[in-house]
Amino acid sequence: MIIPIPLRAALIGASLLTISGPSGAEPGRLLASQCAQCHGTNGAGPGFDELAGKSASELYHELIEMKYRANIEGIMDRQARGYTDGQLRKIADYLSTVPGTGGD
């Protein structure tokens, strides 16, 4: 059976919440591991928008906008639809704690 990418991301995210990671690893960090594929482990992947250092409210607003956009415009819209609003909040909260490099 082939599972669509957004559903796969949601399933992976949900399963990561049940895994005991290294001591002190918060759920947002585990959920944001999907983001690292493009944006890098530090939230500043080359060629992509820098996520690190942005405010949690800005990141959350952008993710929610992508999730509920009427027409899918790209991969980020699909990715955002694979998470619950609560999971997106945890991702945004975590990424806001990663120090930015001052890039875009």
PDB file of N, CA and C in Angstrom:
ATOM      1  N   MET A   1       0.838  -1.165   0.000  1.00  0.00           N
ATOM      2  CA  MET A   1       0.000   0.000   0.000  1.00  0.00           C
ATOM      3  C   MET A   1       0.888   1.235   0.000  1.00  0.00           C
ATOM      4  N   ILE A   2       0.577   2.189  -0.863  1.00  0.00           N
ATOM      5  CA  ILE A   2       1.330   3.438  -0.939  1.00  0.00           C
ATOM      6  C   ILE A   2       0.631   4.480  -0.078  1.00  0.00           C
ATOM      7  N   ILE A   3       1.381   5.096   0.825  1.00  0.00           N
ATOM      8  CA  ILE A   3       0.834   6.119   1.714  1.00  0.00           C
ATOM      9  C   ILE A   3       1.268   7.484   1.186  1.00  0.00           C
ATOM     10  N   PRO A   4       0.314   8.417   0.948  1.00  0.00           N
ATOM     11  CA  PRO A   4       0.668   9.748   0.451  1.00  0.00           C
ATOM     12  C   PRO A   4       1.632  10.458   1.400  1.00  0.00           C
ATOM     13  N   ILE A   5       2.482  11.333   0.848  1.00  0.00           N
ATOM     14  CA  ILE A   5       3.516  12.018   1.633  1.00  0.00           C
ATOM     15  C   ILE A   5       2.955  12.740   2.849  1.00  0.00           C
ATOM     16  N   PRO A   6       1.879  13.562   2.736  1.00  0.00           N
ATOM     17  CA  PRO A   6       1.403  14.254   3.945  1.00  0.00           C
ATOM     18  C   PRO A   6       0.984  13.283   5.050  1.00  0.00           C
ATOM     19  N   LEU A   7       0.338  12.200   4.676  1.00  0.00           N
ATOM     20  CA  LEU A   7      -0.083  11.221   5.672  1.00  0.00           C
ATOM     21  C   LEU A   7       1.141  10.536   6.268  1.00  0.00           C
ATOM     22  N   ARG A   8       2.108  10.228   5.411  1.00  0.00           N
ATOM     23  CA  ARG A   8       3.339   9.613   5.884  1.00  0.00           C
ATOM     24  C   ARG A   8       4.030  10.525   6.891  1.00  0.00           C
ATOM     25  N   ALA A   9       4.085  11.837   6.586  1.00  0.00           N
ATOM     26  CA  ALA A   9       4.713  12.801   7.494  1.00  0.00           C
ATOM     27  C   ALA A   9       3.977  12.850   8.818  1.00  0.00           C
ATOM     28  N   ALA A  10       2.650  12.812   8.769  1.00  0.00           N
ATOM     29  CA  ALA A  10       1.858  12.841  10.000  1.00  0.00           C
ATOM     30  C   ALA A  10       2.106  11.578  10.828  1.00  0.00           C
ATOM     31  N   LEU A  11       2.172  10.446  10.159  1.00  0.00           N
ATOM     32  CA  LEU A  11       2.417   9.192  10.868  1.00  0.00           C
ATOM     33  C   LEU A  11       3.807   9.176  11.492  1.00  0.00           C
ATOM     34  N   ILE A  12       4.787   9.667  10.745  1.00  0.00           N
ATOM     35  CA  ILE A  12       6.144   9.728  11.285  1.00  0.00           C
ATOM     36  C   ILE A  12       6.178  10.679  12.471  1.00  0.00           C
ATOM     37  N   GLY A  13       5.545  11.854  12.308  1.00  0.00           N
ATOM     38  CA  GLY A  13       5.514  12.827  13.396  1.00  0.00           C
ATOM     39  C   GLY A  13       4.849  12.263  14.634  1.00  0.00           C
ATOM     40  N   ALA A  14       3.737  11.574  14.444  1.00  0.00           N
ATOM     41  CA  ALA A  14       3.024  10.989  15.581  1.00  0.00           C
ATOM     42  C   ALA A  14       3.861   9.913  16.246  1.00  0.00           C
ATOM     43  N   SER A  15       4.561   9.109  15.443  1.00  0.00           N
ATOM     44  CA  SER A  15       5.375   8.057  16.036  1.00  0.00           C
ATOM     45  C   SER A  15       6.579   8.638  16.762  1.00  0.00           C
ATOM     46  N   LEU A  16       7.114   9.741  16.277  1.00  0.00           N
ATOM     47  CA  LEU A  16       8.250  10.366  16.953  1.00  0.00           C
ATOM     48  C   LEU A  16       7.867  10.882  18.328  1.00  0.00           C
ATOM     49  N   LEU A  17       6.610  11.275  18.494  1.00  0.00           N
ATOM     50  CA  LEU A  17       6.175  11.763  19.793  1.00  0.00           C
ATOM     51  C   LEU A  17       6.185  10.671  20.845  1.00  0.00           C
ATOM     52  N   THR A  18       6.101   9.428  20.411  1.00  0.00           N
ATOM     53  CA  THR A  18       6.056   8.326  21.364  1.00  0.00           C
ATOM     54  C   THR A  18       7.440   7.743  21.638  1.00  0.00           C
ATOM     55  N   ILE A  19       8.440   8.175  20.879  1.00  0.00           N
ATOM     56  CA  ILE A  19       9.797   7.672  21.061  1.00  0.00           C
ATOM     57  C   ILE A  19      10.494   8.516  22.117  1.00  0.00           C
ATOM     58  N   SER A  20      11.172   7.867  23.020  1.00  0.00           N
ATOM     59  CA  SER A  20      11.956   8.600  24.005  1.00  0.00           C
ATOM     60  C   SER A  20      13.290   8.940  23.372  1.00  0.00           C
ATOM     61  N   GLY A  21      13.488  10.206  23.087  1.00  0.00           N
ATOM     62  CA  GLY A  21      14.736  10.657  22.491  1.00  0.00           C
ATOM     63  C   GLY A  21      15.755  10.928  23.573  1.00  0.00           C
ATOM     64  N   PRO A  22      16.848  11.605  23.189  1.00  0.00           N
ATOM     65  CA  PRO A  22      17.858  11.942  24.167  1.00  0.00           C
ATOM     66  C   PRO A  22      17.245  12.788  25.279  1.00  0.00           C
ATOM     67  N   SER A  23      17.821  12.720  26.453  1.00  0.00           N
ATOM     68  CA  SER A  23      17.244  13.464  27.563  1.00  0.00           C
ATOM     69  C   SER A  23      17.137  14.929  27.187  1.00  0.00           C
ATOM     70  N   GLY A  24      15.979  15.528  27.477  1.00  0.00           N
ATOM     71  CA  GLY A  24      15.742  16.929  27.186  1.00  0.00           C
ATOM     72  C   GLY A  24      15.224  17.186  25.779  1.00  0.00           C
ATOM     73  N   ALA A  25      15.115  16.160  24.928  1.00  0.00           N
ATOM     74  CA  ALA A  25      14.615  16.372  23.565  1.00  0.00           C
ATOM     75  C   ALA A  25      13.126  16.633  23.621  1.00  0.00           C
ATOM     76  N   GLU A  26      12.731  17.798  23.165  1.00  0.00           N
ATOM     77  CA  GLU A  26      11.325  18.163  23.202  1.00  0.00           C
ATOM     78  C   GLU A  26      10.611  17.698  21.937  1.00  0.00           C
ATOM     79  N   PRO A  27       9.288  17.495  22.021  1.00  0.00           N
ATOM     80  CA  PRO A  27       8.534  17.011  20.857  1.00  0.00           C
ATOM     81  C   PRO A  27       8.690  17.893  19.625  1.00  0.00           C
ATOM     82  N   GLY A  28       8.776  19.205  19.797  1.00  0.00           N
ATOM     83  CA  GLY A  28       8.928  20.106  18.650  1.00  0.00           C
ATOM     84  C   GLY A  28      10.190  19.831  17.863  1.00  0.00           C
ATOM     85  N   ARG A  29      11.245  19.509  18.571  1.00  0.00           N
ATOM     86  CA  ARG A  29      12.503  19.196  17.902  1.00  0.00           C
ATOM     87  C   ARG A  29      12.362  17.932  17.069  1.00  0.00           C
ATOM     88  N   LEU A  30      11.698  16.944  17.614  1.00  0.00           N
ATOM     89  CA  LEU A  30      11.498  15.697  16.878  1.00  0.00           C
ATOM     90  C   LEU A  30      10.607  15.919  15.661  1.00  0.00           C
ATOM     91  N   LEU A  31       9.543  16.691  15.837  1.00  0.00           N
ATOM     92  CA  LEU A  31       8.649  16.980  14.719  1.00  0.00           C
ATOM     93  C   LEU A  31       9.361  17.788  13.638  1.00  0.00           C
ATOM     94  N   ALA A  32      10.239  18.694  14.040  1.00  0.00           N
ATOM     95  CA  ALA A  32      10.958  19.551  13.088  1.00  0.00           C
ATOM     96  C   ALA A  32      12.026  18.794  12.315  1.00  0.00           C
ATOM     97  N   SER A  33      12.271  17.543  12.662  1.00  0.00           N
ATOM     98  CA  SER A  33      13.281  16.778  11.930  1.00  0.00           C
ATOM     99  C   SER A  33      12.907  16.653  10.452  1.00  0.00           C
ATOM    100  N   GLN A  34      11.640  16.655  10.131  1.00  0.00           N
ATOM    101  CA  GLN A  34      11.189  16.634   8.734  1.00  0.00           C
ATOM    102  C   GLN A  34      11.640  17.907   8.021  1.00  0.00           C
ATOM    103  N   CYS A  35      11.626  19.034   8.724  1.00  0.00           N
ATOM    104  CA  CYS A  35      12.010  20.327   8.145  1.00  0.00           C
ATOM    105  C   CYS A  35      13.487  20.331   7.763  1.00  0.00           C
ATOM    106  N   ALA A  36      14.293  19.576   8.516  1.00  0.00           N
ATOM    107  CA  ALA A  36      15.737  19.569   8.318  1.00  0.00           C
ATOM    108  C   ALA A  36      16.140  19.039   6.949  1.00  0.00           C
ATOM    109  N   GLN A  37      15.289  18.266   6.310  1.00  0.00           N
ATOM    110  CA  GLN A  37      15.633  17.725   4.998  1.00  0.00           C
ATOM    111  C   GLN A  37      15.929  18.830   3.997  1.00  0.00           C
ATOM    112  N   CYS A  38      15.224  19.940   4.093  1.00  0.00           N
ATOM    113  CA  CYS A  38      15.455  21.066   3.180  1.00  0.00           C
ATOM    114  C   CYS A  38      16.102  22.262   3.875  1.00  0.00           C
ATOM    115  N   HIS A  39      15.643  22.535   5.089  1.00  0.00           N
ATOM    116  CA  HIS A  39      16.082  23.746   5.788  1.00  0.00           C
ATOM    117  C   HIS A  39      17.316  23.520   6.650  1.00  0.00           C
ATOM    118  N   GLY A  40      17.835  22.314   6.678  1.00  0.00           N
ATOM    119  CA  GLY A  40      19.040  22.020   7.454  1.00  0.00           C
ATOM    120  C   GLY A  40      18.739  21.784   8.921  1.00  0.00           C
ATOM    121  N   THR A  41      19.644  21.101   9.596  1.00  0.00           N
ATOM    122  CA  THR A  41      19.437  20.779  11.007  1.00  0.00           C
ATOM    123  C   THR A  41      19.485  22.023  11.884  1.00  0.00           C
ATOM    124  N   ASN A  42      20.071  23.093  11.372  1.00  0.00           N
ATOM    125  CA  ASN A  42      20.127  24.329  12.144  1.00  0.00           C
ATOM    126  C   ASN A  42      19.076  25.344  11.674  1.00  0.00           C
ATOM    127  N   GLY A  43      18.164  24.923  10.802  1.00  0.00           N
ATOM    128  CA  GLY A  43      17.104  25.815  10.322  1.00  0.00           C
ATOM    129  C   GLY A  43      17.575  26.829   9.304  1.00  0.00           C
ATOM    130  N   ALA A  44      18.768  26.650   8.768  1.00  0.00           N
ATOM    131  CA  ALA A  44      19.319  27.605   7.807  1.00  0.00           C
ATOM    132  C   ALA A  44      19.952  26.889   6.619  1.00  0.00           C
ATOM    133  N   GLY A  45      19.196  25.963   6.021  1.00  0.00           N
ATOM    134  CA  GLY A  45      19.718  25.205   4.892  1.00  0.00           C
ATOM    135  C   GLY A  45      19.966  26.097   3.687  1.00  0.00           C
ATOM    136  N   PRO A  46      21.020  25.817   2.931  1.00  0.00           N
ATOM    137  CA  PRO A  46      21.347  26.647   1.775  1.00  0.00           C
ATOM    138  C   PRO A  46      20.266  26.575   0.699  1.00  0.00           C
ATOM    139  N   GLY A  47      19.892  27.727   0.182  1.00  0.00           N
ATOM    140  CA  GLY A  47      18.906  27.785  -0.895  1.00  0.00           C
ATOM    141  C   GLY A  47      17.466  27.792  -0.434  1.00  0.00           C
ATOM    142  N   PHE A  48      17.236  27.712   0.867  1.00  0.00           N
ATOM    143  CA  PHE A  48      15.883  27.714   1.407  1.00  0.00           C
ATOM    144  C   PHE A  48      15.752  28.829   2.436  1.00  0.00           C
ATOM    145  N   ASP A  49      14.506  29.241   2.705  1.00  0.00           N
ATOM    146  CA  ASP A  49      14.272  30.256   3.730  1.00  0.00           C
ATOM    147  C   ASP A  49      14.866  29.813   5.056  1.00  0.00           C
ATOM    148  N   GLU A  50      15.496  30.760   5.751  1.00  0.00           N
ATOM    149  CA  GLU A  50      16.019  30.461   7.076  1.00  0.00           C
ATOM    150  C   GLU A  50      14.864  30.468   8.072  1.00  0.00           C
ATOM    151  N   LEU A  51      14.733  29.390   8.809  1.00  0.00           N
ATOM    152  CA  LEU A  51      13.679  29.271   9.813  1.00  0.00           C
ATOM    153  C   LEU A  51      14.185  29.660  11.183  1.00  0.00           C
ATOM    154  N   ALA A  52      15.435  29.353  11.452  1.00  0.00           N
ATOM    155  CA  ALA A  52      16.027  29.625  12.759  1.00  0.00           C
ATOM    156  C   ALA A  52      16.001  31.117  13.049  1.00  0.00           C
ATOM    157  N   GLY A  53      15.644  31.435  14.282  1.00  0.00           N
ATOM    158  CA  GLY A  53      15.650  32.817  14.711  1.00  0.00           C
ATOM    159  C   GLY A  53      14.368  33.580  14.459  1.00  0.00           C
ATOM    160  N   LYS A  54      13.450  33.027  13.676  1.00  0.00           N
ATOM    161  CA  LYS A  54      12.158  33.681  13.469  1.00  0.00           C
ATOM    162  C   LYS A  54      11.309  33.486  14.720  1.00  0.00           C
ATOM    163  N   SER A  55      10.363  34.378  14.927  1.00  0.00           N
ATOM    164  CA  SER A  55       9.495  34.243  16.099  1.00  0.00           C
ATOM    165  C   SER A  55       8.548  33.066  15.915  1.00  0.00           C
ATOM    166  N   ALA A  56       8.161  32.464  17.022  1.00  0.00           N
ATOM    167  CA  ALA A  56       7.241  31.327  16.984  1.00  0.00           C
ATOM    168  C   ALA A  56       5.929  31.722  16.336  1.00  0.00           C
ATOM    169  N   SER A  57       5.430  32.914  16.635  1.00  0.00           N
ATOM    170  CA  SER A  57       4.136  33.336  16.069  1.00  0.00           C
ATOM    171  C   SER A  57       4.231  33.526  14.562  1.00  0.00           C
ATOM    172  N   GLU A  58       5.357  34.047  14.071  1.00  0.00           N
ATOM    173  CA  GLU A  58       5.541  34.224  12.624  1.00  0.00           C
ATOM    174  C   GLU A  58       5.598  32.863  11.927  1.00  0.00           C
ATOM    175  N   LEU A  59       6.387  31.948  12.472  1.00  0.00           N
ATOM    176  CA  LEU A  59       6.500  30.616  11.882  1.00  0.00           C
ATOM    177  C   LEU A  59       5.159  29.890  11.897  1.00  0.00           C
ATOM    178  N   TYR A  60       4.473  29.952  13.033  1.00  0.00           N
ATOM    179  CA  TYR A  60       3.186  29.267  13.158  1.00  0.00           C
ATOM    180  C   TYR A  60       2.181  29.841  12.154  1.00  0.00           C
ATOM    181  N   HIS A  61       2.122  31.160  12.060  1.00  0.00           N
ATOM    182  CA  HIS A  61       1.196  31.801  11.115  1.00  0.00           C
ATOM    183  C   HIS A  61       1.484  31.343   9.682  1.00  0.00           C
ATOM    184  N   GLU A  62       2.760  31.299   9.305  1.00  0.00           N
ATOM    185  CA  GLU A  62       3.131  30.862   7.955  1.00  0.00           C
ATOM    186  C   GLU A  62       2.741  29.403   7.716  1.00  0.00           C
ATOM    187  N   LEU A  63       2.985  28.544   8.705  1.00  0.00           N
ATOM    188  CA  LEU A  63       2.638  27.128   8.555  1.00  0.00           C
ATOM    189  C   LEU A  63       1.123  26.917   8.448  1.00  0.00           C
ATOM    190  N   ILE A  64       0.376  27.631   9.278  1.00  0.00           N
ATOM    191  CA  ILE A  64      -1.090  27.523   9.232  1.00  0.00           C
ATOM    192  C   ILE A  64      -1.612  28.037   7.896  1.00  0.00           C
ATOM    193  N   GLU A  65      -1.043  29.128   7.414  1.00  0.00           N
ATOM    194  CA  GLU A  65      -1.448  29.672   6.115  1.00  0.00           C
ATOM    195  C   GLU A  65      -1.222  28.639   5.013  1.00  0.00           C
ATOM    196  N   MET A  66      -0.070  27.968   5.060  1.00  0.00           N
ATOM    197  CA  MET A  66       0.230  26.933   4.061  1.00  0.00           C
ATOM    198  C   MET A  66      -0.729  25.754   4.178  1.00  0.00           C
ATOM    199  N   LYS A  67      -1.023  25.379   5.402  1.00  0.00           N
ATOM    200  CA  LYS A  67      -1.888  24.221   5.628  1.00  0.00           C
ATOM    201  C   LYS A  67      -3.298  24.440   5.089  1.00  0.00           C
ATOM    202  N   TYR A  68      -3.831  25.623   5.285  1.00  0.00           N
ATOM    203  CA  TYR A  68      -5.227  25.875   4.930  1.00  0.00           C
ATOM    204  C   TYR A  68      -5.417  26.649   3.632  1.00  0.00           C
ATOM    205  N   ARG A  69      -4.347  26.856   2.878  1.00  0.00           N
ATOM    206  CA  ARG A  69      -4.452  27.528   1.582  1.00  0.00           C
ATOM    207  C   ARG A  69      -5.394  26.726   0.688  1.00  0.00           C
ATOM    208  N   ALA A  70      -6.259  27.429  -0.031  1.00  0.00           N
ATOM    209  CA  ALA A  70      -7.257  26.753  -0.878  1.00  0.00           C
ATOM    210  C   ALA A  70      -6.594  25.921  -1.974  1.00  0.00           C
ATOM    211  N   ASN A  71      -5.592  26.476  -2.613  1.00  0.00           N
ATOM    212  CA  ASN A  71      -4.898  25.767  -3.690  1.00  0.00           C
ATOM    213  C   ASN A  71      -3.486  25.427  -3.234  1.00  0.00           C
ATOM    214  N   ILE A  72      -3.099  24.183  -3.423  1.00  0.00           N
ATOM    215  CA  ILE A  72      -1.754  23.763  -3.056  1.00  0.00           C
ATOM    216  C   ILE A  72      -0.772  24.440  -4.001  1.00  0.00           C
ATOM    217  N   GLU A  73       0.186  25.173  -3.426  1.00  0.00           N
ATOM    218  CA  GLU A  73       1.142  25.929  -4.231  1.00  0.00           C
ATOM    219  C   GLU A  73       2.519  25.281  -4.284  1.00  0.00           C
ATOM    220  N   GLY A  74       2.791  24.342  -3.419  1.00  0.00           N
ATOM    221  CA  GLY A  74       4.114  23.724  -3.438  1.00  0.00           C
ATOM    222  C   GLY A  74       4.263  22.676  -2.359  1.00  0.00           C
ATOM    223  N   ILE A  75       5.485  22.218  -2.216  1.00  0.00           N
ATOM    224  CA  ILE A  75       5.772  21.129  -1.280  1.00  0.00           C
ATOM    225  C   ILE A  75       5.471  21.528   0.157  1.00  0.00           C
ATOM    226  N   MET A  76       5.700  22.787   0.524  1.00  0.00           N
ATOM    227  CA  MET A  76       5.448  23.202   1.899  1.00  0.00           C
ATOM    228  C   MET A  76       3.969  23.117   2.257  1.00  0.00           C
ATOM    229  N   ASP A  77       3.094  23.413   1.308  1.00  0.00           N
ATOM    230  CA  ASP A  77       1.660  23.272   1.570  1.00  0.00           C
ATOM    231  C   ASP A  77       1.328  21.817   1.881  1.00  0.00           C
ATOM    232  N   ARG A  78       1.916  20.923   1.123  1.00  0.00           N
ATOM    233  CA  ARG A  78       1.678  19.484   1.357  1.00  0.00           C
ATOM    234  C   ARG A  78       2.253  19.055   2.698  1.00  0.00           C
ATOM    235  N   GLN A  79       3.441  19.526   3.019  1.00  0.00           N
ATOM    236  CA  GLN A  79       4.056  19.170   4.291  1.00  0.00           C
ATOM    237  C   GLN A  79       3.212  19.662   5.465  1.00  0.00           C
ATOM    238  N   ALA A  80       2.781  20.904   5.406  1.00  0.00           N
ATOM    239  CA  ALA A  80       2.006  21.486   6.513  1.00  0.00           C
ATOM    240  C   ALA A  80       0.702  20.733   6.728  1.00  0.00           C
ATOM    241  N   ARG A  81       0.112  20.228   5.667  1.00  0.00           N
ATOM    242  CA  ARG A  81      -1.162  19.504   5.786  1.00  0.00           C
ATOM    243  C   ARG A  81      -0.992  18.148   6.468  1.00  0.00           C
ATOM    244  N   GLY A  82       0.236  17.694   6.612  1.00  0.00           N
ATOM    245  CA  GLY A  82       0.498  16.410   7.261  1.00  0.00           C
ATOM    246  C   GLY A  82       0.571  16.498   8.779  1.00  0.00           C
ATOM    247  N   TYR A  83       0.418  17.693   9.330  1.00  0.00           N
ATOM    248  CA  TYR A  83       0.523  17.887  10.774  1.00  0.00           C
ATOM    249  C   TYR A  83      -0.754  18.488  11.335  1.00  0.00           C
ATOM    250  N   THR A  84      -1.008  18.229  12.591  1.00  0.00           N
ATOM    251  CA  THR A  84      -2.124  18.891  13.271  1.00  0.00           C
ATOM    252  C   THR A  84      -1.691  20.322  13.582  1.00  0.00           C
ATOM    253  N   ASP A  85      -2.662  21.171  13.900  1.00  0.00           N
ATOM    254  CA  ASP A  85      -2.329  22.548  14.276  1.00  0.00           C
ATOM    255  C   ASP A  85      -1.429  22.551  15.514  1.00  0.00           C
ATOM    256  N   GLY A  86      -1.689  21.651  16.450  1.00  0.00           N
ATOM    257  CA  GLY A  86      -0.872  21.555  17.653  1.00  0.00           C
ATOM    258  C   GLY A  86       0.565  21.158  17.345  1.00  0.00           C
ATOM    259  N   GLN A  87       0.746  20.241  16.411  1.00  0.00           N
ATOM    260  CA  GLN A  87       2.087  19.837  16.020  1.00  0.00           C
ATOM    261  C   GLN A  87       2.814  20.994  15.330  1.00  0.00           C
ATOM    262  N   LEU A  88       2.084  21.745  14.503  1.00  0.00           N
ATOM    263  CA  LEU A  88       2.694  22.907  13.852  1.00  0.00           C
ATOM    264  C   LEU A  88       3.122  23.941  14.889  1.00  0.00           C
ATOM    265  N   ARG A  89       2.345  24.100  15.941  1.00  0.00           N
ATOM    266  CA  ARG A  89       2.698  25.029  17.020  1.00  0.00           C
ATOM    267  C   ARG A  89       4.000  24.570  17.696  1.00  0.00           C
ATOM    268  N   LYS A  90       4.126  23.269  17.947  1.00  0.00           N
ATOM    269  CA  LYS A  90       5.337  22.737  18.578  1.00  0.00           C
ATOM    270  C   LYS A  90       6.561  22.924  17.678  1.00  0.00           C
ATOM    271  N   ILE A  91       6.378  22.722  16.387  1.00  0.00           N
ATOM    272  CA  ILE A  91       7.467  22.930  15.431  1.00  0.00           C
ATOM    273  C   ILE A  91       7.900  24.391  15.453  1.00  0.00           C
ATOM    274  N   ALA A  92       6.929  25.293  15.377  1.00  0.00           N
ATOM    275  CA  ALA A  92       7.229  26.733  15.383  1.00  0.00           C
ATOM    276  C   ALA A  92       7.911  27.141  16.683  1.00  0.00           C
ATOM    277  N   ASP A  93       7.404  26.638  17.800  1.00  0.00           N
ATOM    278  CA  ASP A  93       8.008  26.965  19.098  1.00  0.00           C
ATOM    279  C   ASP A  93       9.459  26.501  19.149  1.00  0.00           C
ATOM    280  N   TYR A  94       9.712  25.290  18.680  1.00  0.00           N
ATOM    281  CA  TYR A  94      11.085  24.778  18.700  1.00  0.00           C
ATOM    282  C   TYR A  94      11.994  25.604  17.785  1.00  0.00           C
ATOM    283  N   LEU A  95      11.572  25.808  16.528  1.00  0.00           N
ATOM    284  CA  LEU A  95      12.435  26.516  15.584  1.00  0.00           C
ATOM    285  C   LEU A  95      12.739  27.936  16.036  1.00  0.00           C
ATOM    286  N   SER A  96      11.840  28.535  16.801  1.00  0.00           N
ATOM    287  CA  SER A  96      12.092  29.893  17.279  1.00  0.00           C
ATOM    288  C   SER A  96      13.211  29.931  18.326  1.00  0.00           C
ATOM    289  N   THR A  97      13.563  28.768  18.877  1.00  0.00           N
ATOM    290  CA  THR A  97      14.636  28.723  19.874  1.00  0.00           C
ATOM    291  C   THR A  97      16.009  28.463  19.252  1.00  0.00           C
ATOM    292  N   VAL A  98      16.040  28.104  17.964  1.00  0.00           N
ATOM    293  CA  VAL A  98      17.298  27.844  17.276  1.00  0.00           C
ATOM    294  C   VAL A  98      17.883  29.185  16.841  1.00  0.00           C
ATOM    295  N   PRO A  99      19.112  29.492  17.244  1.00  0.00           N
ATOM    296  CA  PRO A  99      19.699  30.790  16.895  1.00  0.00           C
ATOM    297  C   PRO A  99      19.825  30.961  15.378  1.00  0.00           C
ATOM    298  N   GLY A 100      19.388  32.106  14.889  1.00  0.00           N
ATOM    299  CA  GLY A 100      19.490  32.401  13.457  1.00  0.00           C
ATOM    300  C   GLY A 100      20.890  32.844  13.086  1.00  0.00           C
ATOM    301  N   THR A 101      21.171  32.816  11.791  1.00  0.00           N
ATOM    302  CA  THR A 101      22.483  33.241  11.292  1.00  0.00           C
ATOM    303  C   THR A 101      22.415  34.630  10.686  1.00  0.00           C
ATOM    304  N   GLY A 102      21.194  35.199  10.649  1.00  0.00           N
ATOM    305  CA  GLY A 102      21.027  36.515  10.045  1.00  0.00           C
ATOM    306  C   GLY A 102      20.734  36.453   8.561  1.00  0.00           C
ATOM    307  N   GLY A 103      20.623  35.226   8.004  1.00  0.00           N
ATOM    308  CA  GLY A 103      20.315  35.068   6.579  1.00  0.00           C
ATOM    309  C   GLY A 103      18.821  35.035   6.354  1.00  0.00           C
ATOM    310  N   ASP A 104      18.433  34.901   5.083  1.00  0.00           N
ATOM    311  CA  ASP A 104      16.999  34.842   4.753  1.00  0.00           C
ATOM    312  C   ASP A 104      16.649  33.440   4.417  1.00  0.00           C
TER     313      ASP A 104
END
